[in-house]
Amino acid sequence: MEQCFLTAGCLFQAVWNHQSNLPAAQGVKDYDVFYFDTDLSYEAEDAVIRAAEALFQDLGVSVEVKNQARVHLWYGERFGRLYPQLHTARQGIDRYLVAGTCIGLEIATGELYAPYGLADVAQGVLRINPLHAQPALFAKKARSYQARWPWLKIIEPGSAE
C-alpha cells in the first residue's frame, strides 16, 4: 500500500517516556496508521481496517487505521469543525496541533517524515503548528502532554521563542 505511515503518539510519546525513564509504551493509547486511497467509500476503508485488525491481533495493542483521503467526509460531524480534503497521507500528519509531533514513519520504506524536524520532540518543546493554528485546541493538547510529562515546555503562540 502506498502512502502508509505509523504516526502520532506511539512515536513521540516513546521518546518522552524514554527521557522520563518510563517504559516506551506507557500511556500510548493506540498506534495510528495513516494511509491514502482514492477510493472514498466507507466499505474500502472498513476492509483495510478489518485486515489490519487481523494482522495486528496478536500484538495486544489498539491500531487505529484511517484513510486520509476520507477524513474530510466525517470530521466535521464528529468534531464540529471543517477539515480540508487531503491529497496525501503526509498532509494528515502535517495537521497535528503541536508542530514537533508531526512525525510519521513510512511503513514500506522505513523513511522518517518529520516536516518540523525532531529537535522539539528531543528537547520537550511544544509549539503550535503554523499550518494548523488552532490556539485553544493547541493549549488543551499541550497541557494534556505537560500533565503526563511535566518537564515539557509550552511555547505560547505568538511568543518570540
Protein backbone atom coordinates (compact mmCIF):
# COMPACT_ATOMS: atom_id res chain seq x y z
CA MET A 1 0.00 0.00 0.00
CA GLU A 2 1.42 3.39 -0.97
CA GLN A 3 1.50 6.30 1.46
CA CYS A 4 1.16 4.28 4.63
CA PHE A 5 2.62 5.69 7.86
CA LEU A 6 2.88 4.73 11.51
CA THR A 7 2.34 8.06 13.21
CA ALA A 8 1.30 10.05 16.26
CA GLY A 9 1.77 9.34 19.94
CA CYS A 10 3.39 5.94 19.64
CA LEU A 11 6.42 7.72 18.18
CA PHE A 12 6.87 10.98 20.10
CA GLN A 13 5.50 9.66 23.39
CA ALA A 14 8.05 6.84 23.28
CA VAL A 15 10.79 9.50 23.16
CA TRP A 16 9.34 11.41 26.11
CA ASN A 17 8.85 8.17 28.06
CA HIS A 18 12.46 7.20 27.41
CA GLN A 19 13.64 10.61 28.61
CA SER A 20 11.50 10.17 31.73
CA ASN A 21 12.84 6.65 32.43
CA LEU A 22 9.42 5.12 31.75
CA PRO A 23 8.53 2.13 29.57
CA ALA A 24 8.34 3.20 25.90
CA ALA A 25 4.66 2.27 25.53
CA GLN A 26 3.43 3.75 28.83
CA GLY A 27 0.33 5.85 28.21
CA VAL A 28 0.21 5.13 24.48
CA LYS A 29 -3.49 4.50 23.89
CA ASP A 30 -3.17 3.37 20.29
CA TYR A 31 -0.94 3.07 17.27
CA ASP A 32 -2.12 5.27 14.43
CA VAL A 33 -1.69 4.22 10.82
CA PHE A 34 -2.46 6.79 8.13
CA TYR A 35 -2.77 5.72 4.53
CA PHE A 36 -4.12 7.31 1.37
CA ASP A 37 -6.51 5.64 -1.04
CA THR A 38 -8.60 7.49 -3.62
CA ASP A 39 -11.46 5.03 -3.06
CA LEU A 40 -13.52 7.20 -0.69
CA SER A 41 -16.07 4.53 0.15
CA TYR A 42 -16.65 3.51 3.73
CA GLU A 43 -16.52 -0.12 2.59
CA ALA A 44 -12.98 0.20 1.18
CA GLU A 45 -11.67 1.79 4.38
CA ASP A 46 -13.51 -0.75 6.52
CA ALA A 47 -11.87 -3.59 4.56
CA VAL A 48 -8.42 -2.11 5.31
CA ILE A 49 -9.33 -1.65 8.98
CA ARG A 50 -10.50 -5.26 9.26
CA ALA A 51 -7.37 -6.56 7.52
CA ALA A 52 -5.21 -4.53 9.94
CA GLU A 53 -7.16 -5.89 12.93
CA ALA A 54 -6.44 -9.44 11.77
CA LEU A 55 -2.79 -8.64 11.06
CA PHE A 56 -2.12 -6.98 14.42
CA GLN A 57 -4.43 -9.03 16.67
CA ASP A 58 -1.55 -10.81 18.40
CA LEU A 59 0.17 -7.56 19.46
CA GLY A 60 -2.26 -6.77 22.26
CA VAL A 61 -2.49 -3.09 21.28
CA SER A 62 -5.08 -0.94 19.57
CA VAL A 63 -4.17 0.01 16.00
CA GLU A 64 -6.24 2.86 14.51
CA VAL A 65 -6.20 2.88 10.71
CA LYS A 66 -7.51 5.90 8.80
CA ASN A 67 -7.65 6.68 5.09
CA GLN A 68 -6.60 10.33 4.98
CA ALA A 69 -8.47 10.80 1.70
CA ARG A 70 -11.75 10.29 3.61
CA VAL A 71 -11.21 12.36 6.78
CA HIS A 72 -12.97 15.44 5.41
CA LEU A 73 -16.13 13.37 4.93
CA TRP A 74 -16.68 12.64 8.65
CA TYR A 75 -14.51 15.06 10.62
CA GLY A 76 -16.98 17.95 10.73
CA GLU A 77 -19.81 15.82 12.09
CA ARG A 78 -17.56 14.19 14.69
CA PHE A 79 -15.58 17.24 15.84
CA GLY A 80 -17.77 20.20 14.87
CA ARG A 81 -15.23 21.89 12.60
CA LEU A 82 -14.46 21.68 8.93
CA TYR A 83 -11.49 19.71 7.69
CA PRO A 84 -9.90 20.23 4.27
CA GLN A 85 -9.80 17.47 1.71
CA LEU A 86 -6.31 15.99 1.79
CA HIS A 87 -4.30 14.73 -1.17
CA THR A 88 -1.63 12.69 0.61
CA ALA A 89 -1.22 10.78 3.86
CA ARG A 90 1.57 13.20 4.80
CA GLN A 91 -0.94 16.06 4.82
CA GLY A 92 -2.74 14.27 7.65
CA ILE A 93 0.49 14.19 9.65
CA ASP A 94 1.03 17.86 8.79
CA ARG A 95 -2.19 18.78 10.60
CA TYR A 96 -1.28 17.78 14.15
CA LEU A 97 -1.76 20.66 16.58
CA VAL A 98 1.77 20.52 18.01
CA ALA A 99 4.46 21.11 15.38
CA GLY A 100 7.06 18.74 16.78
CA THR A 101 4.60 15.86 16.92
CA CYS A 102 4.16 15.92 13.15
CA ILE A 103 6.11 12.70 12.75
CA GLY A 104 5.48 9.61 10.68
CA LEU A 105 7.40 6.50 9.77
CA GLU A 106 6.64 5.24 6.27
CA ILE A 107 5.85 1.58 6.69
CA ALA A 108 7.07 0.36 3.29
CA THR A 109 10.44 2.12 3.30
CA GLY A 110 11.14 2.98 6.94
CA GLU A 111 11.64 6.61 5.86
CA LEU A 112 11.06 9.15 8.61
CA TYR A 113 8.74 12.05 7.80
CA ALA A 114 9.10 14.99 10.18
CA PRO A 115 8.36 18.33 8.46
CA TYR A 116 9.41 20.31 11.56
CA GLY A 117 12.35 18.07 12.37
CA LEU A 118 12.96 16.21 15.61
CA ALA A 119 14.54 18.90 17.81
CA ASP A 120 11.28 19.91 19.53
CA VAL A 121 10.47 16.33 20.49
CA ALA A 122 14.03 15.68 21.66
CA GLN A 123 14.04 18.89 23.72
CA GLY A 124 10.47 18.55 25.02
CA VAL A 125 9.27 21.74 23.34
CA LEU A 126 5.58 22.13 22.49
CA ARG A 127 4.81 24.84 19.95
CA ILE A 128 1.78 25.44 17.78
CA ASN A 129 1.77 24.03 14.27
CA PRO A 130 1.64 27.07 11.94
CA LEU A 131 -0.16 25.00 9.28
CA HIS A 132 -2.93 24.16 11.74
CA ALA A 133 -3.02 27.16 14.03
CA GLN A 134 -5.83 26.46 16.49
CA PRO A 135 -4.68 28.22 19.71
CA ALA A 136 -7.41 26.90 22.02
CA LEU A 137 -7.04 23.31 20.81
CA PHE A 138 -3.24 23.60 20.92
CA ALA A 139 -3.36 24.85 24.53
CA LYS A 140 -5.58 21.95 25.59
CA LYS A 141 -3.39 19.37 23.83
CA ALA A 142 -0.14 20.90 25.14
CA ARG A 143 -1.45 20.98 28.72
CA SER A 144 -2.51 17.34 28.47
CA TYR A 145 1.01 16.38 27.36
CA GLN A 146 2.58 18.50 30.10
CA ALA A 147 0.36 16.85 32.71
CA ARG A 148 1.93 13.48 31.77
CA TRP A 149 5.46 14.79 31.23
CA PRO A 150 5.80 17.87 33.50
CA TRP A 151 9.22 18.77 32.13
CA LEU A 152 7.78 19.61 28.68
CA LYS A 153 7.96 23.32 27.83
CA ILE A 154 4.96 25.00 26.20
CA ILE A 155 5.80 27.85 23.84
CA GLU A 156 2.75 30.08 23.74
CA PRO A 157 1.52 31.03 20.26
CA GLY A 158 2.98 34.38 19.24
CA SER A 159 5.91 34.01 21.62
CA ALA A 160 9.33 35.07 20.34
CA GLU A 161 10.86 31.67 21.24
